[in-house]
Amino acid sequence: TEWLQDSDPSIRWQVMRDLLDSKQEIIASERNKIATEGWGSRLL
């Protein structure tokens, strides 16, 4: 999970949701980064 967390926002938010049971606010904050950071930003 540490390795997955040291990755792209598109992976981190899903790890937080599915494996770490993080709070919804934290998950949403990470998911919002997809448009501005990493692979999602590059595709856009």
PDB file of all heavy atoms in Angstrom:
ATOM      1  N   THR A   1       0.824  -1.207   0.000  1.00  0.00           N
ATOM      2  CA  THR A   1       0.000   0.000   0.000  1.00  0.00           C
ATOM      3  C   THR A   1       0.863   1.263   0.000  1.00  0.00           C
ATOM      4  O   THR A   1       0.502   2.254  -0.637  1.00  0.00           O
ATOM      5  CB  THR A   1      -0.993   0.027   1.181  1.00  0.00           C
ATOM      6  OG1 THR A   1      -0.293  -0.153   2.400  1.00  0.00           O
ATOM      7  CG2 THR A   1      -2.071  -1.020   1.018  1.00  0.00           C
ATOM      8  N   GLU A   2       2.001   1.225   0.655  1.00  0.00           N
ATOM      9  CA  GLU A   2       2.930   2.364   0.599  1.00  0.00           C
ATOM     10  C   GLU A   2       3.416   2.579  -0.828  1.00  0.00           C
ATOM     11  O   GLU A   2       3.499   3.705  -1.310  1.00  0.00           O
ATOM     12  CB  GLU A   2       4.124   2.135   1.531  1.00  0.00           C
ATOM     13  CG  GLU A   2       3.814   2.323   2.983  1.00  0.00           C
ATOM     14  CD  GLU A   2       5.006   1.999   3.873  1.00  0.00           C
ATOM     15  OE1 GLU A   2       6.161   1.961   3.367  1.00  0.00           O
ATOM     16  OE2 GLU A   2       4.788   1.786   5.071  1.00  0.00           O
ATOM     17  N   TRP A   3       3.755   1.498  -1.505  1.00  0.00           N
ATOM     18  CA  TRP A   3       4.205   1.578  -2.896  1.00  0.00           C
ATOM     19  C   TRP A   3       3.096   2.144  -3.788  1.00  0.00           C
ATOM     20  O   TRP A   3       3.343   3.008  -4.631  1.00  0.00           O
ATOM     21  CB  TRP A   3       4.642   0.187  -3.373  1.00  0.00           C
ATOM     22  CG  TRP A   3       5.044   0.137  -4.801  1.00  0.00           C
ATOM     23  CD1 TRP A   3       6.193   0.644  -5.364  1.00  0.00           C
ATOM     24  CD2 TRP A   3       4.297  -0.454  -5.870  1.00  0.00           C
ATOM     25  NE1 TRP A   3       6.196   0.397  -6.713  1.00  0.00           N
ATOM     26  CE2 TRP A   3       5.048  -0.277  -7.050  1.00  0.00           C
ATOM     27  CE3 TRP A   3       3.077  -1.122  -5.941  1.00  0.00           C
ATOM     28  CZ2 TRP A   3       4.612  -0.737  -8.284  1.00  0.00           C
ATOM     29  CZ3 TRP A   3       2.651  -1.582  -7.165  1.00  0.00           C
ATOM     30  CH2 TRP A   3       3.414  -1.395  -8.319  1.00  0.00           C
ATOM     31  N   LEU A   4       1.877   1.674  -3.601  1.00  0.00           N
ATOM     32  CA  LEU A   4       0.757   2.176  -4.386  1.00  0.00           C
ATOM     33  C   LEU A   4       0.478   3.652  -4.083  1.00  0.00           C
ATOM     34  O   LEU A   4       0.135   4.419  -4.983  1.00  0.00           O
ATOM     35  CB  LEU A   4      -0.503   1.343  -4.114  1.00  0.00           C
ATOM     36  CG  LEU A   4      -0.490  -0.079  -4.672  1.00  0.00           C
ATOM     37  CD1 LEU A   4      -1.657  -0.875  -4.101  1.00  0.00           C
ATOM     38  CD2 LEU A   4      -0.525  -0.066  -6.190  1.00  0.00           C
ATOM     39  N   GLN A   5       0.648   4.035  -2.835  1.00  0.00           N
ATOM     40  CA  GLN A   5       0.426   5.425  -2.443  1.00  0.00           C
ATOM     41  C   GLN A   5       1.482   6.363  -3.032  1.00  0.00           C
ATOM     42  O   GLN A   5       1.249   7.546  -3.193  1.00  0.00           O
ATOM     43  CB  GLN A   5       0.417   5.566  -0.914  1.00  0.00           C
ATOM     44  CG  GLN A   5      -0.815   4.988  -0.259  1.00  0.00           C
ATOM     45  CD  GLN A   5      -2.034   5.816  -0.557  1.00  0.00           C
ATOM     46  OE1 GLN A   5      -2.703   5.629  -1.561  1.00  0.00           O
ATOM     47  NE2 GLN A   5      -2.321   6.755   0.302  1.00  0.00           N
ATOM     48  N   ASP A   6       2.638   5.830  -3.348  1.00  0.00           N
ATOM     49  CA  ASP A   6       3.724   6.615  -3.944  1.00  0.00           C
ATOM     50  C   ASP A   6       3.582   6.572  -5.463  1.00  0.00           C
ATOM     51  O   ASP A   6       4.529   6.285  -6.185  1.00  0.00           O
ATOM     52  CB  ASP A   6       5.078   6.056  -3.497  1.00  0.00           C
ATOM     53  CG  ASP A   6       6.223   6.950  -3.909  1.00  0.00           C
ATOM     54  OD1 ASP A   6       6.018   8.172  -4.023  1.00  0.00           O
ATOM     55  OD2 ASP A   6       7.322   6.416  -4.145  1.00  0.00           O
ATOM     56  N   SER A   7       2.393   6.836  -5.947  1.00  0.00           N
ATOM     57  CA  SER A   7       2.079   6.694  -7.356  1.00  0.00           C
ATOM     58  C   SER A   7       1.261   7.881  -7.834  1.00  0.00           C
ATOM     59  O   SER A   7       1.278   8.946  -7.240  1.00  0.00           O
ATOM     60  CB  SER A   7       1.315   5.375  -7.557  1.00  0.00           C
ATOM     61  OG  SER A   7       1.077   5.141  -8.907  1.00  0.00           O
ATOM     62  N   ASP A   8       0.513   7.660  -8.882  1.00  0.00           N
ATOM     63  CA  ASP A   8      -0.318   8.668  -9.522  1.00  0.00           C
ATOM     64  C   ASP A   8      -1.612   8.889  -8.733  1.00  0.00           C
ATOM     65  O   ASP A   8      -2.124   7.954  -8.105  1.00  0.00           O
ATOM     66  CB  ASP A   8      -0.649   8.173 -10.937  1.00  0.00           C
ATOM     67  CG  ASP A   8      -1.262   9.242 -11.797  1.00  0.00           C
ATOM     68  OD1 ASP A   8      -0.502  10.092 -12.306  1.00  0.00           O
ATOM     69  OD2 ASP A   8      -2.495   9.245 -11.952  1.00  0.00           O
ATOM     70  N   PRO A   9      -2.177  10.110  -8.768  1.00  0.00           N
ATOM     71  CA  PRO A   9      -3.446  10.350  -8.079  1.00  0.00           C
ATOM     72  C   PRO A   9      -4.561   9.386  -8.501  1.00  0.00           C
ATOM     73  O   PRO A   9      -5.413   9.027  -7.691  1.00  0.00           O
ATOM     74  CB  PRO A   9      -3.813  11.786  -8.458  1.00  0.00           C
ATOM     75  CG  PRO A   9      -2.538  12.428  -8.834  1.00  0.00           C
ATOM     76  CD  PRO A   9      -1.668  11.337  -9.380  1.00  0.00           C
ATOM     77  N   SER A  10      -4.529   8.940  -9.756  1.00  0.00           N
ATOM     78  CA  SER A  10      -5.571   8.027 -10.233  1.00  0.00           C
ATOM     79  C   SER A  10      -5.506   6.660  -9.556  1.00  0.00           C
ATOM     80  O   SER A  10      -6.498   5.934  -9.530  1.00  0.00           O
ATOM     81  CB  SER A  10      -5.486   7.856 -11.750  1.00  0.00           C
ATOM     82  OG  SER A  10      -4.261   7.261 -12.121  1.00  0.00           O
ATOM     83  N   ILE A  11      -4.361   6.342  -8.998  1.00  0.00           N
ATOM     84  CA  ILE A  11      -4.216   5.101  -8.232  1.00  0.00           C
ATOM     85  C   ILE A  11      -4.411   5.376  -6.741  1.00  0.00           C
ATOM     86  O   ILE A  11      -5.091   4.632  -6.050  1.00  0.00           O
ATOM     87  CB  ILE A  11      -2.844   4.456  -8.498  1.00  0.00           C
ATOM     88  CG1 ILE A  11      -2.786   3.975  -9.947  1.00  0.00           C
ATOM     89  CG2 ILE A  11      -2.575   3.315  -7.524  1.00  0.00           C
ATOM     90  CD1 ILE A  11      -1.457   3.436 -10.375  1.00  0.00           C
ATOM     91  N   ARG A  12      -3.818   6.477  -6.271  1.00  0.00           N
ATOM     92  CA  ARG A  12      -3.875   6.779  -4.831  1.00  0.00           C
ATOM     93  C   ARG A  12      -5.295   6.863  -4.299  1.00  0.00           C
ATOM     94  O   ARG A  12      -5.596   6.310  -3.241  1.00  0.00           O
ATOM     95  CB  ARG A  12      -3.130   8.080  -4.528  1.00  0.00           C
ATOM     96  CG  ARG A  12      -1.643   7.935  -4.488  1.00  0.00           C
ATOM     97  CD  ARG A  12      -0.970   9.130  -3.851  1.00  0.00           C
ATOM     98  NE  ARG A  12      -1.263  10.385  -4.499  1.00  0.00           N
ATOM     99  CZ  ARG A  12      -0.488  10.964  -5.429  1.00  0.00           C
ATOM    100  NH1 ARG A  12       0.616  10.364  -5.837  1.00  0.00           N
ATOM    101  NH2 ARG A  12      -0.826  12.117  -5.946  1.00  0.00           N
ATOM    102  N   TRP A  13      -6.191   7.553  -5.020  1.00  0.00           N
ATOM    103  CA  TRP A  13      -7.542   7.723  -4.472  1.00  0.00           C
ATOM    104  C   TRP A  13      -8.259   6.392  -4.342  1.00  0.00           C
ATOM    105  O   TRP A  13      -9.020   6.179  -3.410  1.00  0.00           O
ATOM    106  CB  TRP A  13      -8.361   8.738  -5.280  1.00  0.00           C
ATOM    107  CG  TRP A  13      -8.984   8.217  -6.543  1.00  0.00           C
ATOM    108  CD1 TRP A  13      -8.425   8.218  -7.784  1.00  0.00           C
ATOM    109  CD2 TRP A  13     -10.269   7.639  -6.692  1.00  0.00           C
ATOM    110  NE1 TRP A  13      -9.293   7.662  -8.701  1.00  0.00           N
ATOM    111  CE2 TRP A  13     -10.438   7.299  -8.052  1.00  0.00           C
ATOM    112  CE3 TRP A  13     -11.310   7.358  -5.815  1.00  0.00           C
ATOM    113  CZ2 TRP A  13     -11.583   6.701  -8.547  1.00  0.00           C
ATOM    114  CZ3 TRP A  13     -12.461   6.769  -6.318  1.00  0.00           C
ATOM    115  CH2 TRP A  13     -12.587   6.450  -7.670  1.00  0.00           C
ATOM    116  N   GLN A  14      -7.990   5.470  -5.280  1.00  0.00           N
ATOM    117  CA  GLN A  14      -8.631   4.159  -5.219  1.00  0.00           C
ATOM    118  C   GLN A  14      -8.052   3.308  -4.091  1.00  0.00           C
ATOM    119  O   GLN A  14      -8.773   2.545  -3.442  1.00  0.00           O
ATOM    120  CB  GLN A  14      -8.502   3.452  -6.562  1.00  0.00           C
ATOM    121  CG  GLN A  14      -9.286   4.180  -7.652  1.00  0.00           C
ATOM    122  CD  GLN A  14      -9.171   3.530  -8.996  1.00  0.00           C
ATOM    123  OE1 GLN A  14      -9.761   2.480  -9.207  1.00  0.00           O
ATOM    124  NE2 GLN A  14      -8.414   4.151  -9.891  1.00  0.00           N
ATOM    125  N   VAL A  15      -6.764   3.445  -3.843  1.00  0.00           N
ATOM    126  CA  VAL A  15      -6.137   2.753  -2.721  1.00  0.00           C
ATOM    127  C   VAL A  15      -6.727   3.274  -1.412  1.00  0.00           C
ATOM    128  O   VAL A  15      -7.071   2.494  -0.522  1.00  0.00           O
ATOM    129  CB  VAL A  15      -4.604   2.939  -2.740  1.00  0.00           C
ATOM    130  CG1 VAL A  15      -3.963   2.428  -1.461  1.00  0.00           C
ATOM    131  CG2 VAL A  15      -4.002   2.249  -3.956  1.00  0.00           C
ATOM    132  N   MET A  16      -6.869   4.585  -1.334  1.00  0.00           N
ATOM    133  CA  MET A  16      -7.462   5.178  -0.133  1.00  0.00           C
ATOM    134  C   MET A  16      -8.884   4.677   0.092  1.00  0.00           C
ATOM    135  O   MET A  16      -9.268   4.379   1.229  1.00  0.00           O
ATOM    136  CB  MET A  16      -7.479   6.702  -0.259  1.00  0.00           C
ATOM    137  CG  MET A  16      -6.134   7.333  -0.232  1.00  0.00           C
ATOM    138  SD  MET A  16      -6.299   9.101  -0.582  1.00  0.00           S
ATOM    139  CE  MET A  16      -4.638   9.646  -0.261  1.00  0.00           C
ATOM    140  N   ARG A  17      -9.653   4.574  -0.988  1.00  0.00           N
ATOM    141  CA  ARG A  17     -11.050   4.141  -0.882  1.00  0.00           C
ATOM    142  C   ARG A  17     -11.164   2.648  -0.611  1.00  0.00           C
ATOM    143  O   ARG A  17     -11.904   2.214   0.260  1.00  0.00           O
ATOM    144  CB  ARG A  17     -11.784   4.487  -2.181  1.00  0.00           C
ATOM    145  CG  ARG A  17     -13.245   4.049  -2.206  1.00  0.00           C
ATOM    146  CD  ARG A  17     -13.831   4.097  -3.587  1.00  0.00           C
ATOM    147  NE  ARG A  17     -13.161   3.120  -4.444  1.00  0.00           N
ATOM    148  CZ  ARG A  17     -13.297   3.067  -5.760  1.00  0.00           C
ATOM    149  NH1 ARG A  17     -14.062   3.931  -6.382  1.00  0.00           N
ATOM    150  NH2 ARG A  17     -12.666   2.148  -6.462  1.00  0.00           N
ATOM    151  N   ASP A  18     -10.423   1.844  -1.378  1.00  0.00           N
ATOM    152  CA  ASP A  18     -10.623   0.397  -1.352  1.00  0.00           C
ATOM    153  C   ASP A  18      -9.762  -0.362  -0.352  1.00  0.00           C
ATOM    154  O   ASP A  18     -10.161  -1.421   0.119  1.00  0.00           O
ATOM    155  CB  ASP A  18     -10.367  -0.184  -2.743  1.00  0.00           C
ATOM    156  CG  ASP A  18     -11.309   0.374  -3.798  1.00  0.00           C
ATOM    157  OD1 ASP A  18     -12.393   0.872  -3.430  1.00  0.00           O
ATOM    158  OD2 ASP A  18     -10.962   0.322  -4.990  1.00  0.00           O
ATOM    159  N   LEU A  19      -8.594   0.155  -0.038  1.00  0.00           N
ATOM    160  CA  LEU A  19      -7.676  -0.587   0.828  1.00  0.00           C
ATOM    161  C   LEU A  19      -7.444   0.062   2.186  1.00  0.00           C
ATOM    162  O   LEU A  19      -7.202  -0.636   3.168  1.00  0.00           O
ATOM    163  CB  LEU A  19      -6.323  -0.769   0.127  1.00  0.00           C
ATOM    164  CG  LEU A  19      -6.351  -1.509  -1.214  1.00  0.00           C
ATOM    165  CD1 LEU A  19      -4.960  -1.564  -1.824  1.00  0.00           C
ATOM    166  CD2 LEU A  19      -6.928  -2.912  -1.046  1.00  0.00           C
ATOM    167  N   LEU A  20      -7.492   1.379   2.238  1.00  0.00           N
ATOM    168  CA  LEU A  20      -7.164   2.063   3.483  1.00  0.00           C
ATOM    169  C   LEU A  20      -8.383   2.578   4.241  1.00  0.00           C
ATOM    170  O   LEU A  20      -8.258   3.035   5.363  1.00  0.00           O
ATOM    171  CB  LEU A  20      -6.209   3.227   3.201  1.00  0.00           C
ATOM    172  CG  LEU A  20      -4.879   2.838   2.557  1.00  0.00           C
ATOM    173  CD1 LEU A  20      -4.050   4.077   2.274  1.00  0.00           C
ATOM    174  CD2 LEU A  20      -4.120   1.854   3.431  1.00  0.00           C
ATOM    175  N   ASP A  21      -9.534   2.543   3.608  1.00  0.00           N
ATOM    176  CA  ASP A  21     -10.769   3.019   4.245  1.00  0.00           C
ATOM    177  C   ASP A  21     -10.600   4.438   4.784  1.00  0.00           C
ATOM    178  O   ASP A  21     -10.980   4.749   5.902  1.00  0.00           O
ATOM    179  CB  ASP A  21     -11.204   2.052   5.354  1.00  0.00           C
ATOM    180  CG  ASP A  21     -12.649   2.241   5.758  1.00  0.00           C
ATOM    181  OD1 ASP A  21     -13.468   2.632   4.890  1.00  0.00           O
ATOM    182  OD2 ASP A  21     -12.974   2.012   6.936  1.00  0.00           O
ATOM    183  N   SER A  22     -10.015   5.297   3.939  1.00  0.00           N
ATOM    184  CA  SER A  22      -9.787   6.689   4.328  1.00  0.00           C
ATOM    185  C   SER A  22     -11.098   7.457   4.375  1.00  0.00           C
ATOM    186  O   SER A  22     -12.110   7.025   3.822  1.00  0.00           O
ATOM    187  CB  SER A  22      -8.842   7.359   3.322  1.00  0.00           C
ATOM    188  OG  SER A  22      -7.592   6.714   3.312  1.00  0.00           O
ATOM    189  N   LYS A  23     -11.048   8.622   4.997  1.00  0.00           N
ATOM    190  CA  LYS A  23     -12.230   9.478   5.079  1.00  0.00           C
ATOM    191  C   LYS A  23     -12.590   9.986   3.681  1.00  0.00           C
ATOM    192  O   LYS A  23     -11.717  10.227   2.841  1.00  0.00           O
ATOM    193  CB  LYS A  23     -11.961  10.661   5.999  1.00  0.00           C
ATOM    194  CG  LYS A  23     -11.799  10.253   7.444  1.00  0.00           C
ATOM    195  CD  LYS A  23     -11.574  11.463   8.313  1.00  0.00           C
ATOM    196  CE  LYS A  23     -11.396  11.021   9.759  1.00  0.00           C
ATOM    197  NZ  LYS A  23     -11.170  12.156  10.644  1.00  0.00           N
ATOM    198  N   GLN A  24     -13.885  10.181   3.470  1.00  0.00           N
ATOM    199  CA  GLN A  24     -14.396  10.608   2.163  1.00  0.00           C
ATOM    200  C   GLN A  24     -13.769  11.925   1.701  1.00  0.00           C
ATOM    201  O   GLN A  24     -13.489  12.086   0.515  1.00  0.00           O
ATOM    202  CB  GLN A  24     -15.922  10.737   2.197  1.00  0.00           C
ATOM    203  CG  GLN A  24     -16.641   9.410   2.274  1.00  0.00           C
ATOM    204  CD  GLN A  24     -16.355   8.527   1.065  1.00  0.00           C
ATOM    205  OE1 GLN A  24     -16.284   8.982  -0.059  1.00  0.00           O
ATOM    206  NE2 GLN A  24     -16.163   7.246   1.321  1.00  0.00           N
ATOM    207  N   GLU A  25     -13.555  12.853   2.611  1.00  0.00           N
ATOM    208  CA  GLU A  25     -12.974  14.149   2.246  1.00  0.00           C
ATOM    209  C   GLU A  25     -11.556  13.980   1.702  1.00  0.00           C
ATOM    210  O   GLU A  25     -11.168  14.657   0.754  1.00  0.00           O
ATOM    211  CB  GLU A  25     -12.937  15.098   3.451  1.00  0.00           C
ATOM    212  CG  GLU A  25     -14.276  15.350   4.103  1.00  0.00           C
ATOM    213  CD  GLU A  25     -14.655  14.265   5.114  1.00  0.00           C
ATOM    214  OE1 GLU A  25     -13.811  13.744   5.862  1.00  0.00           O
ATOM    215  OE2 GLU A  25     -15.855  13.934   5.134  1.00  0.00           O
ATOM    216  N   ILE A  26     -10.801  13.088   2.297  1.00  0.00           N
ATOM    217  CA  ILE A  26      -9.423  12.844   1.856  1.00  0.00           C
ATOM    218  C   ILE A  26      -9.421  12.163   0.493  1.00  0.00           C
ATOM    219  O   ILE A  26      -8.641  12.519  -0.395  1.00  0.00           O
ATOM    220  CB  ILE A  26      -8.663  12.001   2.903  1.00  0.00           C
ATOM    221  CG1 ILE A  26      -8.537  12.792   4.201  1.00  0.00           C
ATOM    222  CG2 ILE A  26      -7.300  11.576   2.387  1.00  0.00           C
ATOM    223  CD1 ILE A  26      -8.008  11.996   5.371  1.00  0.00           C
ATOM    224  N   ILE A  27     -10.312  11.205   0.317  1.00  0.00           N
ATOM    225  CA  ILE A  27     -10.432  10.509  -0.967  1.00  0.00           C
ATOM    226  C   ILE A  27     -10.823  11.497  -2.054  1.00  0.00           C
ATOM    227  O   ILE A  27     -10.226  11.524  -3.140  1.00  0.00           O
ATOM    228  CB  ILE A  27     -11.467   9.365  -0.873  1.00  0.00           C
ATOM    229  CG1 ILE A  27     -10.993   8.299   0.110  1.00  0.00           C
ATOM    230  CG2 ILE A  27     -11.738   8.757  -2.251  1.00  0.00           C
ATOM    231  CD1 ILE A  27     -12.057   7.286   0.493  1.00  0.00           C
ATOM    232  N   ALA A  28     -11.815  12.328  -1.791  1.00  0.00           N
ATOM    233  CA  ALA A  28     -12.281  13.313  -2.778  1.00  0.00           C
ATOM    234  C   ALA A  28     -11.177  14.304  -3.126  1.00  0.00           C
ATOM    235  O   ALA A  28     -11.001  14.655  -4.298  1.00  0.00           O
ATOM    236  CB  ALA A  28     -13.505  14.044  -2.248  1.00  0.00           C
ATOM    237  N   SER A  29     -10.427  14.728  -2.146  1.00  0.00           N
ATOM    238  CA  SER A  29      -9.326  15.658  -2.385  1.00  0.00           C
ATOM    239  C   SER A  29      -8.276  15.037  -3.309  1.00  0.00           C
ATOM    240  O   SER A  29      -7.777  15.688  -4.235  1.00  0.00           O
ATOM    241  CB  SER A  29      -8.695  16.060  -1.060  1.00  0.00           C
ATOM    242  OG  SER A  29      -7.565  16.862  -1.269  1.00  0.00           O
ATOM    243  N   GLU A  30      -7.956  13.784  -3.069  1.00  0.00           N
ATOM    244  CA  GLU A  30      -6.977  13.094  -3.912  1.00  0.00           C
ATOM    245  C   GLU A  30      -7.529  12.875  -5.317  1.00  0.00           C
ATOM    246  O   GLU A  30      -6.829  13.064  -6.307  1.00  0.00           O
ATOM    247  CB  GLU A  30      -6.575  11.763  -3.280  1.00  0.00           C
ATOM    248  CG  GLU A  30      -5.368  11.135  -3.921  1.00  0.00           C
ATOM    249  CD  GLU A  30      -4.120  11.993  -3.804  1.00  0.00           C
ATOM    250  OE1 GLU A  30      -3.910  12.661  -2.782  1.00  0.00           O
ATOM    251  OE2 GLU A  30      -3.335  11.993  -4.776  1.00  0.00           O
ATOM    252  N   ARG A  31      -8.781  12.502  -5.401  1.00  0.00           N
ATOM    253  CA  ARG A  31      -9.404  12.260  -6.708  1.00  0.00           C
ATOM    254  C   ARG A  31      -9.436  13.542  -7.545  1.00  0.00           C
ATOM    255  O   ARG A  31      -9.274  13.500  -8.761  1.00  0.00           O
ATOM    256  CB  ARG A  31     -10.811  11.706  -6.508  1.00  0.00           C
ATOM    257  CG  ARG A  31     -11.463  11.292  -7.805  1.00  0.00           C
ATOM    258  CD  ARG A  31     -12.806  10.662  -7.575  1.00  0.00           C
ATOM    259  NE  ARG A  31     -13.388  10.279  -8.845  1.00  0.00           N
ATOM    260  CZ  ARG A  31     -14.602   9.803  -8.996  1.00  0.00           C
ATOM    261  NH1 ARG A  31     -15.369   9.615  -7.937  1.00  0.00           N
ATOM    262  NH2 ARG A  31     -15.058   9.505 -10.185  1.00  0.00           N
ATOM    263  N   ASN A  32      -9.636  14.680  -6.908  1.00  0.00           N
ATOM    264  CA  ASN A  32      -9.655  15.953  -7.624  1.00  0.00           C
ATOM    265  C   ASN A  32      -8.323  16.276  -8.297  1.00  0.00           C
ATOM    266  O   ASN A  32      -8.277  17.055  -9.247  1.00  0.00           O
ATOM    267  CB  ASN A  32     -10.054  17.095  -6.689  1.00  0.00           C
ATOM    268  CG  ASN A  32     -11.528  17.077  -6.374  1.00  0.00           C
ATOM    269  OD1 ASN A  32     -12.339  16.573  -7.149  1.00  0.00           O
ATOM    270  ND2 ASN A  32     -11.883  17.610  -5.222  1.00  0.00           N
ATOM    271  N   LYS A  33      -7.248  15.682  -7.831  1.00  0.00           N
ATOM    272  CA  LYS A  33      -5.926  15.932  -8.404  1.00  0.00           C
ATOM    273  C   LYS A  33      -5.746  15.293  -9.784  1.00  0.00           C
ATOM    274  O   LYS A  33      -4.818  15.648 -10.510  1.00  0.00           O
ATOM    275  CB  LYS A  33      -4.840  15.407  -7.462  1.00  0.00           C
ATOM    276  CG  LYS A  33      -4.762  16.153  -6.147  1.00  0.00           C
ATOM    277  CD  LYS A  33      -3.710  15.537  -5.248  1.00  0.00           C
ATOM    278  CE  LYS A  33      -3.689  16.198  -3.890  1.00  0.00           C
ATOM    279  NZ  LYS A  33      -2.720  15.553  -2.992  1.00  0.00           N
ATOM    280  N   ILE A  34      -6.618  14.375 -10.152  1.00  0.00           N
ATOM    281  CA  ILE A  34      -6.485  13.678 -11.440  1.00  0.00           C
ATOM    282  C   ILE A  34      -6.446  14.656 -12.604  1.00  0.00           C
ATOM    283  O   ILE A  34      -5.690  14.468 -13.556  1.00  0.00           O
ATOM    284  CB  ILE A  34      -7.603  12.631 -11.614  1.00  0.00           C
ATOM    285  CG1 ILE A  34      -7.427  11.520 -10.587  1.00  0.00           C
ATOM    286  CG2 ILE A  34      -7.634  12.064 -13.029  1.00  0.00           C
ATOM    287  CD1 ILE A  34      -8.613  10.606 -10.452  1.00  0.00           C
ATOM    288  N   ALA A  35      -7.227  15.716 -12.527  1.00  0.00           N
ATOM    289  CA  ALA A  35      -7.288  16.690 -13.620  1.00  0.00           C
ATOM    290  C   ALA A  35      -6.076  17.616 -13.669  1.00  0.00           C
ATOM    291  O   ALA A  35      -5.803  18.219 -14.709  1.00  0.00           O
ATOM    292  CB  ALA A  35      -8.558  17.523 -13.507  1.00  0.00           C
ATOM    293  N   THR A  36      -5.339  17.705 -12.586  1.00  0.00           N
ATOM    294  CA  THR A  36      -4.259  18.686 -12.523  1.00  0.00           C
ATOM    295  C   THR A  36      -2.866  18.095 -12.332  1.00  0.00           C
ATOM    296  O   THR A  36      -1.873  18.818 -12.450  1.00  0.00           O
ATOM    297  CB  THR A  36      -4.517  19.684 -11.375  1.00  0.00           C
ATOM    298  OG1 THR A  36      -4.606  18.963 -10.137  1.00  0.00           O
ATOM    299  CG2 THR A  36      -5.797  20.467 -11.620  1.00  0.00           C
ATOM    300  N   GLU A  37      -2.789  16.803 -12.040  1.00  0.00           N
ATOM    301  CA  GLU A  37      -1.487  16.167 -11.790  1.00  0.00           C
ATOM    302  C   GLU A  37      -1.446  14.798 -12.473  1.00  0.00           C
ATOM    303  O   GLU A  37      -2.468  14.143 -12.619  1.00  0.00           O
ATOM    304  CB  GLU A  37      -1.255  15.948 -10.288  1.00  0.00           C
ATOM    305  CG  GLU A  37      -1.234  17.191  -9.462  1.00  0.00           C
ATOM    306  CD  GLU A  37      -1.082  16.899  -7.971  1.00  0.00           C
ATOM    307  OE1 GLU A  37      -0.634  15.790  -7.602  1.00  0.00           O
ATOM    308  OE2 GLU A  37      -1.423  17.782  -7.175  1.00  0.00           O
ATOM    309  N   GLY A  38      -0.272  14.369 -12.834  1.00  0.00           N
ATOM    310  CA  GLY A  38      -0.064  12.993 -13.284  1.00  0.00           C
ATOM    311  C   GLY A  38      -0.679  12.648 -14.626  1.00  0.00           C
ATOM    312  O   GLY A  38      -0.832  13.492 -15.509  1.00  0.00           O
ATOM    313  N   TRP A  39      -1.039  11.379 -14.743  1.00  0.00           N
ATOM    314  CA  TRP A  39      -1.507  10.834 -16.018  1.00  0.00           C
ATOM    315  C   TRP A  39      -2.772  11.504 -16.526  1.00  0.00           C
ATOM    316  O   TRP A  39      -2.911  11.772 -17.720  1.00  0.00           O
ATOM    317  CB  TRP A  39      -1.737   9.328 -15.898  1.00  0.00           C
ATOM    318  CG  TRP A  39      -0.548   8.541 -15.460  1.00  0.00           C
ATOM    319  CD1 TRP A  39       0.773   8.793 -15.739  1.00  0.00           C
ATOM    320  CD2 TRP A  39      -0.565   7.370 -14.648  1.00  0.00           C
ATOM    321  NE1 TRP A  39       1.566   7.851 -15.139  1.00  0.00           N
ATOM    322  CE2 TRP A  39       0.773   6.957 -14.465  1.00  0.00           C
ATOM    323  CE3 TRP A  39      -1.580   6.629 -14.060  1.00  0.00           C
ATOM    324  CZ2 TRP A  39       1.125   5.829 -13.728  1.00  0.00           C
ATOM    325  CZ3 TRP A  39      -1.234   5.509 -13.316  1.00  0.00           C
ATOM    326  CH2 TRP A  39       0.100   5.123 -13.154  1.00  0.00           C
ATOM    327  N   GLY A  40      -3.719  11.776 -15.647  1.00  0.00           N
ATOM    328  CA  GLY A  40      -4.963  12.420 -16.059  1.00  0.00           C
ATOM    329  C   GLY A  40      -4.709  13.798 -16.639  1.00  0.00           C
ATOM    330  O   GLY A  40      -5.230  14.152 -17.695  1.00  0.00           O
ATOM    331  N   SER A  41      -3.887  14.568 -15.960  1.00  0.00           N
ATOM    332  CA  SER A  41      -3.532  15.899 -16.435  1.00  0.00           C
ATOM    333  C   SER A  41      -2.835  15.824 -17.791  1.00  0.00           C
ATOM    334  O   SER A  41      -3.102  16.627 -18.689  1.00  0.00           O
ATOM    335  CB  SER A  41      -2.621  16.579 -15.416  1.00  0.00           C
ATOM    336  OG  SER A  41      -2.159  17.809 -15.896  1.00  0.00           O
ATOM    337  N   ARG A  42      -1.969  14.856 -17.927  1.00  0.00           N
ATOM    338  CA  ARG A  42      -1.251  14.706 -19.204  1.00  0.00           C
ATOM    339  C   ARG A  42      -2.215  14.365 -20.334  1.00  0.00           C
ATOM    340  O   ARG A  42      -2.127  14.924 -21.424  1.00  0.00           O
ATOM    341  CB  ARG A  42      -0.177  13.641 -19.073  1.00  0.00           C
ATOM    342  CG  ARG A  42       0.721  13.580 -20.279  1.00  0.00           C
ATOM    343  CD  ARG A  42       1.952  12.791 -20.015  1.00  0.00           C
ATOM    344  NE  ARG A  42       2.774  12.780 -21.211  1.00  0.00           N
ATOM    345  CZ  ARG A  42       3.819  12.039 -21.361  1.00  0.00           C
ATOM    346  NH1 ARG A  42       4.196  11.234 -20.384  1.00  0.00           N
ATOM    347  NH2 ARG A  42       4.519  12.075 -22.462  1.00  0.00           N
ATOM    348  N   LEU A  43      -3.133  13.439 -20.098  1.00  0.00           N
ATOM    349  CA  LEU A  43      -4.132  13.115 -21.126  1.00  0.00           C
ATOM    350  C   LEU A  43      -4.968  14.337 -21.476  1.00  0.00           C
ATOM    351  O   LEU A  43      -5.216  14.605 -22.657  1.00  0.00           O
ATOM    352  CB  LEU A  43      -5.040  11.984 -20.650  1.00  0.00           C
ATOM    353  CG  LEU A  43      -4.492  10.578 -20.739  1.00  0.00           C
ATOM    354  CD1 LEU A  43      -5.447   9.604 -20.061  1.00  0.00           C
ATOM    355  CD2 LEU A  43      -4.255  10.171 -22.179  1.00  0.00           C
ATOM    356  N   LEU A  44      -5.414  15.069 -20.480  1.00  0.00           N
ATOM    357  CA  LEU A  44      -6.221  16.259 -20.728  1.00  0.00           C
ATOM    358  C   LEU A  44      -5.451  17.298 -21.538  1.00  0.00           C
ATOM    359  O   LEU A  44      -6.035  18.026 -22.346  1.00  0.00           O
ATOM    360  CB  LEU A  44      -6.717  16.856 -19.413  1.00  0.00           C
ATOM    361  CG  LEU A  44      -7.778  16.049 -18.670  1.00  0.00           C
ATOM    362  CD1 LEU A  44      -8.004  16.605 -17.272  1.00  0.00           C
ATOM    363  CD2 LEU A  44      -9.078  15.987 -19.454  1.00  0.00           C
TER     364      LEU A  44
END
